[in-house]
Amino acid sequence: MEKTGSLWSYVARFALVHVITYAVIAIAFLAFQGALPAQGRAALDFFAPYRPLNLITLAGQIIRGGFLALILYPFYDLIVRGRRGGLVLFAALWGLALLGSVEPMPGSIEGVIYTETTAAEHLVALAAGAVQALLFAWLFLSWERRSGADRDAHRAGSVNHG
């Protein structure tokens, strides 16, 4: 099947939605984390699974979003046009976050194995990651499917009137 637009426009859309969802979840997560008692958030403070928004954080998330887009690009048709595309995208993103950590962060397999992080801290980080993946999947698929339908309608209109 034909993909909508170019690879780089897809990467840009993916990265933009990734940064937006990261920002929304980071703001909420940091507010929640700040409300926890200090002894109940030691690992969250140390590892900082979500960081305050600044230029460095946003640049890092743009790069991360771009790499995630490239990793998932071969599955574009399955995700965007598939009946269960949202579930596939959610599972892929959450799975990559859970298994693909480069350090033992709360909410990652390495964090469970190699740290003394509490179960509550792991669950909070896992829940935040799941909400971010769900929000991302919904926003990104809404955008891709709507823009794909608009492009298909435009192509059909230009063929019928041409």
N, C-alpha and C. Protein backbone atom coordinates (compact mmCIF):
# COMPACT_ATOMS: atom_id res chain seq x y z
N MET A 1 0.83 -1.18 0.00
CA MET A 1 0.00 0.00 0.00
C MET A 1 0.87 1.25 0.00
N GLU A 2 0.35 2.28 -0.57
CA GLU A 2 1.08 3.54 -0.62
C GLU A 2 0.98 4.27 0.70
N LYS A 3 2.11 4.75 1.18
CA LYS A 3 2.13 5.53 2.41
C LYS A 3 1.82 6.98 2.08
N THR A 4 1.21 7.71 3.02
CA THR A 4 0.86 9.10 2.76
C THR A 4 2.06 9.99 3.02
N GLY A 5 2.41 10.80 2.03
CA GLY A 5 3.52 11.74 2.18
C GLY A 5 4.86 11.06 2.13
N SER A 6 5.90 11.83 2.41
CA SER A 6 7.25 11.30 2.36
C SER A 6 7.66 10.75 3.73
N LEU A 7 8.75 10.01 3.73
CA LEU A 7 9.30 9.47 4.97
C LEU A 7 9.58 10.59 5.96
N TRP A 8 10.17 11.68 5.49
CA TRP A 8 10.59 12.73 6.41
C TRP A 8 9.40 13.53 6.95
N SER A 9 8.33 13.64 6.20
CA SER A 9 7.14 14.31 6.76
C SER A 9 6.50 13.41 7.82
N TYR A 10 6.52 12.10 7.59
CA TYR A 10 6.03 11.15 8.60
C TYR A 10 6.88 11.25 9.86
N VAL A 11 8.20 11.27 9.72
CA VAL A 11 9.09 11.37 10.89
C VAL A 11 8.82 12.68 11.64
N ALA A 12 8.61 13.76 10.91
CA ALA A 12 8.34 15.05 11.55
C ALA A 12 7.01 15.02 12.30
N ARG A 13 5.96 14.44 11.70
CA ARG A 13 4.66 14.34 12.38
C ARG A 13 4.79 13.47 13.63
N PHE A 14 5.46 12.35 13.50
CA PHE A 14 5.64 11.42 14.61
C PHE A 14 6.39 12.11 15.75
N ALA A 15 7.51 12.77 15.42
CA ALA A 15 8.32 13.44 16.44
C ALA A 15 7.54 14.57 17.11
N LEU A 16 6.76 15.31 16.34
CA LEU A 16 5.97 16.41 16.92
C LEU A 16 4.95 15.87 17.91
N VAL A 17 4.23 14.83 17.53
CA VAL A 17 3.24 14.25 18.45
C VAL A 17 3.95 13.65 19.66
N HIS A 18 5.11 13.06 19.45
CA HIS A 18 5.89 12.51 20.58
C HIS A 18 6.26 13.62 21.56
N VAL A 19 6.75 14.74 21.07
CA VAL A 19 7.15 15.84 21.96
C VAL A 19 5.93 16.40 22.70
N ILE A 20 4.82 16.54 22.00
CA ILE A 20 3.61 17.07 22.64
C ILE A 20 3.14 16.13 23.76
N THR A 21 3.08 14.84 23.47
CA THR A 21 2.61 13.90 24.50
C THR A 21 3.61 13.80 25.65
N TYR A 22 4.91 13.86 25.34
CA TYR A 22 5.91 13.85 26.41
C TYR A 22 5.70 15.07 27.31
N ALA A 23 5.51 16.23 26.71
CA ALA A 23 5.35 17.46 27.49
C ALA A 23 4.13 17.38 28.39
N VAL A 24 3.02 16.91 27.87
CA VAL A 24 1.79 16.81 28.67
C VAL A 24 1.99 15.85 29.84
N ILE A 25 2.54 14.68 29.56
CA ILE A 25 2.74 13.69 30.62
C ILE A 25 3.82 14.14 31.60
N ALA A 26 4.88 14.77 31.11
CA ALA A 26 5.95 15.25 32.00
C ALA A 26 5.41 16.27 32.99
N ILE A 27 4.60 17.20 32.52
CA ILE A 27 4.04 18.22 33.42
C ILE A 27 3.18 17.55 34.49
N ALA A 28 2.30 16.65 34.08
CA ALA A 28 1.44 15.96 35.04
C ALA A 28 2.25 15.07 35.98
N PHE A 29 3.21 14.32 35.43
CA PHE A 29 4.02 13.41 36.24
C PHE A 29 4.83 14.18 37.28
N LEU A 30 5.46 15.27 36.86
CA LEU A 30 6.29 16.04 37.78
C LEU A 30 5.44 16.67 38.89
N ALA A 31 4.24 17.10 38.56
CA ALA A 31 3.34 17.64 39.59
C ALA A 31 2.96 16.53 40.59
N PHE A 32 2.64 15.35 40.07
CA PHE A 32 2.31 14.21 40.94
C PHE A 32 3.52 13.81 41.78
N GLN A 33 4.67 13.73 41.15
CA GLN A 33 5.89 13.35 41.85
C GLN A 33 6.20 14.33 42.97
N GLY A 34 6.02 15.62 42.72
CA GLY A 34 6.28 16.63 43.74
C GLY A 34 5.36 16.53 44.93
N ALA A 35 4.17 15.97 44.72
CA ALA A 35 3.21 15.82 45.81
C ALA A 35 3.49 14.60 46.68
N LEU A 36 4.33 13.69 46.21
CA LEU A 36 4.67 12.49 46.99
C LEU A 36 5.61 12.86 48.13
N PRO A 37 5.54 12.12 49.25
CA PRO A 37 6.52 12.34 50.32
C PRO A 37 7.93 12.01 49.81
N ALA A 38 8.92 12.72 50.31
CA ALA A 38 10.30 12.56 49.82
C ALA A 38 10.78 11.12 49.88
N GLN A 39 10.46 10.38 50.96
CA GLN A 39 10.92 9.00 51.06
C GLN A 39 10.22 8.09 50.06
N GLY A 40 9.09 8.48 49.52
CA GLY A 40 8.36 7.65 48.57
C GLY A 40 8.70 7.93 47.12
N ARG A 41 9.67 8.80 46.90
CA ARG A 41 10.01 9.15 45.52
C ARG A 41 11.51 9.23 45.26
N ALA A 42 12.30 8.59 46.09
CA ALA A 42 13.76 8.68 45.98
C ALA A 42 14.25 8.26 44.60
N ALA A 43 13.79 7.12 44.10
CA ALA A 43 14.23 6.65 42.78
C ALA A 43 13.71 7.55 41.67
N LEU A 44 12.50 8.05 41.81
CA LEU A 44 11.95 8.95 40.79
C LEU A 44 12.75 10.25 40.73
N ASP A 45 13.16 10.76 41.89
CA ASP A 45 13.99 11.97 41.93
C ASP A 45 15.36 11.71 41.32
N PHE A 46 15.95 10.56 41.65
CA PHE A 46 17.30 10.25 41.17
C PHE A 46 17.33 9.97 39.67
N PHE A 47 16.47 9.08 39.19
CA PHE A 47 16.49 8.68 37.79
C PHE A 47 15.73 9.64 36.87
N ALA A 48 14.79 10.38 37.41
CA ALA A 48 14.00 11.37 36.68
C ALA A 48 13.48 10.82 35.34
N PRO A 49 12.52 9.88 35.39
CA PRO A 49 11.98 9.34 34.13
C PRO A 49 11.35 10.42 33.26
N TYR A 50 10.85 11.48 33.88
CA TYR A 50 10.37 12.65 33.14
C TYR A 50 11.12 13.85 33.70
N ARG A 51 11.59 14.69 32.80
CA ARG A 51 12.39 15.84 33.21
C ARG A 51 11.63 17.14 32.94
N PRO A 52 11.95 18.19 33.70
CA PRO A 52 11.31 19.48 33.43
C PRO A 52 11.58 19.92 31.98
N LEU A 53 10.63 20.61 31.41
CA LEU A 53 10.75 21.02 30.01
C LEU A 53 11.74 22.17 29.87
N ASN A 54 12.73 21.96 29.04
CA ASN A 54 13.69 22.99 28.66
C ASN A 54 14.20 22.63 27.27
N LEU A 55 15.07 23.43 26.73
CA LEU A 55 15.53 23.22 25.35
C LEU A 55 16.24 21.87 25.19
N ILE A 56 17.05 21.49 26.15
CA ILE A 56 17.78 20.21 26.06
C ILE A 56 16.81 19.03 26.10
N THR A 57 15.85 19.08 27.02
CA THR A 57 14.85 18.00 27.13
C THR A 57 14.05 17.88 25.84
N LEU A 58 13.58 19.01 25.32
CA LEU A 58 12.77 18.98 24.09
C LEU A 58 13.59 18.49 22.90
N ALA A 59 14.84 18.93 22.79
CA ALA A 59 15.70 18.46 21.70
C ALA A 59 15.91 16.95 21.80
N GLY A 60 16.12 16.47 23.01
CA GLY A 60 16.29 15.02 23.21
C GLY A 60 15.04 14.25 22.82
N GLN A 61 13.88 14.80 23.15
CA GLN A 61 12.63 14.11 22.81
C GLN A 61 12.33 14.18 21.32
N ILE A 62 12.74 15.24 20.64
CA ILE A 62 12.60 15.31 19.18
C ILE A 62 13.45 14.20 18.55
N ILE A 63 14.68 14.06 19.01
CA ILE A 63 15.56 13.01 18.49
C ILE A 63 14.98 11.63 18.79
N ARG A 64 14.53 11.44 20.02
CA ARG A 64 13.95 10.15 20.40
C ARG A 64 12.72 9.83 19.54
N GLY A 65 11.85 10.83 19.36
CA GLY A 65 10.67 10.65 18.52
C GLY A 65 11.03 10.30 17.08
N GLY A 66 12.08 10.93 16.57
CA GLY A 66 12.54 10.62 15.21
C GLY A 66 13.02 9.18 15.08
N PHE A 67 13.79 8.73 16.07
CA PHE A 67 14.26 7.34 16.03
C PHE A 67 13.11 6.35 16.17
N LEU A 68 12.17 6.65 17.06
CA LEU A 68 10.99 5.76 17.19
C LEU A 68 10.22 5.70 15.87
N ALA A 69 10.08 6.85 15.21
CA ALA A 69 9.39 6.88 13.92
C ALA A 69 10.09 5.99 12.90
N LEU A 70 11.41 6.07 12.85
CA LEU A 70 12.16 5.24 11.89
C LEU A 70 12.06 3.76 12.24
N ILE A 71 12.08 3.43 13.53
CA ILE A 71 11.97 2.03 13.95
C ILE A 71 10.61 1.46 13.54
N LEU A 72 9.55 2.27 13.68
CA LEU A 72 8.20 1.78 13.40
C LEU A 72 7.75 1.97 11.95
N TYR A 73 8.52 2.68 11.15
CA TYR A 73 8.13 2.96 9.76
C TYR A 73 7.83 1.70 8.93
N PRO A 74 8.61 0.62 9.07
CA PRO A 74 8.28 -0.58 8.27
C PRO A 74 6.89 -1.15 8.58
N PHE A 75 6.32 -0.78 9.71
CA PHE A 75 5.01 -1.29 10.11
C PHE A 75 3.90 -0.26 9.90
N TYR A 76 4.17 0.76 9.10
CA TYR A 76 3.24 1.87 8.90
C TYR A 76 1.86 1.38 8.48
N ASP A 77 1.79 0.55 7.46
CA ASP A 77 0.49 0.09 6.96
C ASP A 77 -0.26 -0.70 8.03
N LEU A 78 0.43 -1.55 8.75
CA LEU A 78 -0.20 -2.34 9.82
C LEU A 78 -0.76 -1.41 10.89
N ILE A 79 -0.01 -0.38 11.24
CA ILE A 79 -0.41 0.52 12.31
C ILE A 79 -1.51 1.49 11.85
N VAL A 80 -1.30 2.16 10.74
CA VAL A 80 -2.22 3.21 10.32
C VAL A 80 -3.47 2.66 9.63
N ARG A 81 -3.31 1.61 8.85
CA ARG A 81 -4.46 1.09 8.11
C ARG A 81 -5.05 -0.19 8.70
N GLY A 82 -4.38 -0.75 9.67
CA GLY A 82 -4.85 -1.99 10.28
C GLY A 82 -6.02 -1.76 11.22
N ARG A 83 -6.84 -2.79 11.36
CA ARG A 83 -8.00 -2.71 12.26
C ARG A 83 -7.59 -2.48 13.70
N ARG A 84 -6.50 -3.05 14.09
CA ARG A 84 -6.02 -2.92 15.47
C ARG A 84 -4.73 -2.11 15.54
N GLY A 85 -4.63 -1.13 14.66
CA GLY A 85 -3.42 -0.31 14.58
C GLY A 85 -3.11 0.43 15.87
N GLY A 86 -4.14 0.92 16.55
CA GLY A 86 -3.91 1.62 17.81
C GLY A 86 -3.31 0.71 18.86
N LEU A 87 -3.81 -0.50 18.93
CA LEU A 87 -3.27 -1.47 19.88
C LEU A 87 -1.83 -1.83 19.54
N VAL A 88 -1.55 -2.02 18.25
CA VAL A 88 -0.19 -2.34 17.81
C VAL A 88 0.76 -1.20 18.15
N LEU A 89 0.35 0.04 17.86
CA LEU A 89 1.21 1.19 18.15
C LEU A 89 1.42 1.35 19.65
N PHE A 90 0.35 1.25 20.43
CA PHE A 90 0.48 1.34 21.88
C PHE A 90 1.44 0.27 22.41
N ALA A 91 1.24 -0.97 22.00
CA ALA A 91 2.09 -2.07 22.49
C ALA A 91 3.54 -1.87 22.08
N ALA A 92 3.77 -1.42 20.86
CA ALA A 92 5.14 -1.20 20.40
C ALA A 92 5.82 -0.10 21.20
N LEU A 93 5.14 1.01 21.40
CA LEU A 93 5.73 2.13 22.14
C LEU A 93 5.96 1.78 23.61
N TRP A 94 4.97 1.19 24.23
CA TRP A 94 5.11 0.85 25.65
C TRP A 94 6.15 -0.25 25.82
N GLY A 95 6.17 -1.21 24.91
CA GLY A 95 7.17 -2.27 24.96
C GLY A 95 8.58 -1.75 24.77
N LEU A 96 8.76 -0.82 23.84
CA LEU A 96 10.09 -0.23 23.65
C LEU A 96 10.53 0.53 24.90
N ALA A 97 9.60 1.23 25.54
CA ALA A 97 9.95 1.95 26.77
C ALA A 97 10.29 0.99 27.90
N LEU A 98 9.55 -0.09 28.00
CA LEU A 98 9.76 -1.06 29.07
C LEU A 98 11.05 -1.85 28.88
N LEU A 99 11.30 -2.27 27.65
CA LEU A 99 12.45 -3.13 27.39
C LEU A 99 13.68 -2.40 26.86
N GLY A 100 13.49 -1.21 26.31
CA GLY A 100 14.58 -0.53 25.62
C GLY A 100 15.33 0.50 26.43
N SER A 101 15.18 0.49 27.74
CA SER A 101 15.87 1.48 28.56
C SER A 101 17.37 1.21 28.55
N VAL A 102 18.15 2.29 28.48
CA VAL A 102 19.61 2.14 28.49
C VAL A 102 20.18 2.26 29.90
N GLU A 103 19.30 2.55 30.87
CA GLU A 103 19.71 2.59 32.27
C GLU A 103 18.59 2.01 33.11
N PRO A 104 18.90 1.63 34.34
CA PRO A 104 17.88 0.97 35.17
C PRO A 104 16.87 1.97 35.75
N MET A 105 15.99 2.46 34.91
CA MET A 105 14.98 3.46 35.28
C MET A 105 13.79 2.80 35.98
N PRO A 106 13.10 3.53 36.83
CA PRO A 106 11.84 3.01 37.36
C PRO A 106 10.88 2.75 36.20
N GLY A 107 10.21 1.62 36.24
CA GLY A 107 9.28 1.27 35.18
C GLY A 107 9.91 0.52 34.03
N SER A 108 11.19 0.15 34.15
CA SER A 108 11.85 -0.64 33.11
C SER A 108 12.24 -2.00 33.69
N ILE A 109 12.47 -2.96 32.81
CA ILE A 109 12.92 -4.28 33.26
C ILE A 109 14.23 -4.17 34.03
N GLU A 110 15.18 -3.37 33.50
CA GLU A 110 16.46 -3.20 34.20
C GLU A 110 16.27 -2.58 35.58
N GLY A 111 15.32 -1.64 35.68
CA GLY A 111 15.04 -1.02 36.97
C GLY A 111 14.53 -2.01 37.99
N VAL A 112 13.69 -2.93 37.56
CA VAL A 112 13.16 -3.95 38.47
C VAL A 112 14.28 -4.87 38.93
N ILE A 113 15.16 -5.25 38.00
CA ILE A 113 16.21 -6.23 38.31
C ILE A 113 17.36 -5.61 39.10
N TYR A 114 17.82 -4.43 38.68
CA TYR A 114 19.09 -3.91 39.20
C TYR A 114 18.98 -2.80 40.23
N THR A 115 17.78 -2.39 40.62
CA THR A 115 17.67 -1.32 41.62
C THR A 115 16.81 -1.78 42.79
N GLU A 116 16.83 -0.99 43.83
CA GLU A 116 15.99 -1.24 44.99
C GLU A 116 14.80 -0.29 44.99
N THR A 117 14.39 0.10 43.80
CA THR A 117 13.24 0.98 43.64
C THR A 117 11.99 0.27 44.14
N THR A 118 11.12 1.02 44.81
CA THR A 118 9.91 0.41 45.35
C THR A 118 8.94 0.03 44.22
N ALA A 119 8.06 -0.90 44.54
CA ALA A 119 7.05 -1.32 43.57
C ALA A 119 6.15 -0.14 43.19
N ALA A 120 5.84 0.72 44.16
CA ALA A 120 4.99 1.88 43.88
C ALA A 120 5.64 2.81 42.87
N GLU A 121 6.95 3.03 43.00
CA GLU A 121 7.66 3.90 42.05
C GLU A 121 7.66 3.28 40.65
N HIS A 122 7.86 1.98 40.57
CA HIS A 122 7.80 1.30 39.27
C HIS A 122 6.41 1.43 38.67
N LEU A 123 5.38 1.21 39.47
CA LEU A 123 4.01 1.28 38.96
C LEU A 123 3.64 2.68 38.49
N VAL A 124 4.08 3.70 39.21
CA VAL A 124 3.80 5.08 38.80
C VAL A 124 4.47 5.37 37.45
N ALA A 125 5.73 4.96 37.30
CA ALA A 125 6.44 5.20 36.05
C ALA A 125 5.82 4.39 34.91
N LEU A 126 5.43 3.13 35.19
CA LEU A 126 4.77 2.30 34.17
C LEU A 126 3.43 2.91 33.75
N ALA A 127 2.67 3.40 34.71
CA ALA A 127 1.37 4.01 34.40
C ALA A 127 1.56 5.27 33.56
N ALA A 128 2.53 6.10 33.91
CA ALA A 128 2.78 7.32 33.13
C ALA A 128 3.18 6.96 31.70
N GLY A 129 4.03 5.95 31.55
CA GLY A 129 4.43 5.51 30.21
C GLY A 129 3.26 4.97 29.41
N ALA A 130 2.38 4.25 30.09
CA ALA A 130 1.21 3.70 29.40
C ALA A 130 0.27 4.82 28.96
N VAL A 131 0.05 5.80 29.82
CA VAL A 131 -0.82 6.92 29.45
C VAL A 131 -0.22 7.70 28.29
N GLN A 132 1.10 7.92 28.34
CA GLN A 132 1.75 8.62 27.23
C GLN A 132 1.61 7.83 25.93
N ALA A 133 1.82 6.52 25.97
CA ALA A 133 1.70 5.69 24.77
C ALA A 133 0.27 5.70 24.23
N LEU A 134 -0.72 5.63 25.13
CA LEU A 134 -2.13 5.69 24.71
C LEU A 134 -2.47 7.03 24.07
N LEU A 135 -2.05 8.11 24.72
CA LEU A 135 -2.31 9.45 24.19
C LEU A 135 -1.62 9.63 22.84
N PHE A 136 -0.37 9.17 22.75
CA PHE A 136 0.35 9.27 21.49
C PHE A 136 -0.37 8.50 20.39
N ALA A 137 -0.72 7.25 20.67
CA ALA A 137 -1.38 6.41 19.65
C ALA A 137 -2.66 7.07 19.15
N TRP A 138 -3.46 7.59 20.07
CA TRP A 138 -4.72 8.23 19.68
C TRP A 138 -4.47 9.47 18.83
N LEU A 139 -3.58 10.37 19.29
CA LEU A 139 -3.32 11.59 18.54
C LEU A 139 -2.69 11.31 17.18
N PHE A 140 -1.66 10.48 17.18
CA PHE A 140 -0.94 10.22 15.93
C PHE A 140 -1.84 9.53 14.91
N LEU A 141 -2.57 8.52 15.34
CA LEU A 141 -3.43 7.80 14.39
C LEU A 141 -4.58 8.69 13.91
N SER A 142 -5.10 9.53 14.77
CA SER A 142 -6.14 10.47 14.33
C SER A 142 -5.59 11.37 13.23
N TRP A 143 -4.41 11.90 13.42
CA TRP A 143 -3.78 12.78 12.43
C TRP A 143 -3.48 12.03 11.14
N GLU A 144 -2.83 10.87 11.26
CA GLU A 144 -2.44 10.11 10.07
C GLU A 144 -3.66 9.65 9.27
N ARG A 145 -4.65 9.15 9.95
CA ARG A 145 -5.83 8.63 9.24
C ARG A 145 -6.62 9.77 8.59
N ARG A 146 -6.74 10.89 9.28
CA ARG A 146 -7.46 12.03 8.71
C ARG A 146 -6.68 12.61 7.52
N SER A 147 -5.38 12.79 7.67
CA SER A 147 -4.60 13.36 6.57
C SER A 147 -4.52 12.38 5.41
N GLY A 148 -4.48 11.07 5.70
CA GLY A 148 -4.49 10.07 4.63
C GLY A 148 -5.80 10.07 3.87
N ALA A 149 -6.92 10.20 4.59
CA ALA A 149 -8.23 10.26 3.94
C ALA A 149 -8.36 11.53 3.11
N ASP A 150 -7.84 12.66 3.62
CA ASP A 150 -7.87 13.91 2.87
C ASP A 150 -7.06 13.79 1.59
N ARG A 151 -5.88 13.17 1.67
CA ARG A 151 -5.05 12.99 0.47
C ARG A 151 -5.72 12.06 -0.53
N ASP A 152 -6.32 10.98 -0.03
CA ASP A 152 -7.02 10.04 -0.93
C ASP A 152 -8.20 10.73 -1.61
N ALA A 153 -8.96 11.53 -0.88
CA ALA A 153 -10.10 12.24 -1.46
C ALA A 153 -9.63 13.26 -2.48
N HIS A 154 -8.52 13.92 -2.18
CA HIS A 154 -7.98 14.91 -3.13
C HIS A 154 -7.53 14.21 -4.41
N ARG A 155 -6.84 13.09 -4.26
CA ARG A 155 -6.41 12.33 -5.45
C ARG A 155 -7.61 11.86 -6.27
N ALA A 156 -8.63 11.34 -5.61
CA ALA A 156 -9.83 10.86 -6.31
C ALA A 156 -10.53 12.00 -7.00
N GLY A 157 -10.61 13.17 -6.34
CA GLY A 157 -11.26 14.34 -6.95
C GLY A 157 -10.51 14.84 -8.15
N SER A 158 -9.17 14.82 -8.09
CA SER A 158 -8.40 15.32 -9.24
C SER A 158 -8.44 14.33 -10.39
N VAL A 159 -8.58 13.04 -10.11
CA VAL A 159 -8.70 12.05 -11.17
C VAL A 159 -10.07 12.14 -11.84
N ASN A 160 -11.11 12.31 -11.03
CA ASN A 160 -12.47 12.35 -11.59
C ASN A 160 -12.73 13.62 -12.36
N HIS A 161 -12.10 14.74 -11.97
CA HIS A 161 -12.37 16.01 -12.64
C HIS A 161 -11.35 16.30 -13.72
N GLY A 162 -10.26 15.53 -13.74
CA GLY A 162 -9.16 15.84 -14.64
C GLY A 162 -9.46 15.45 -16.01
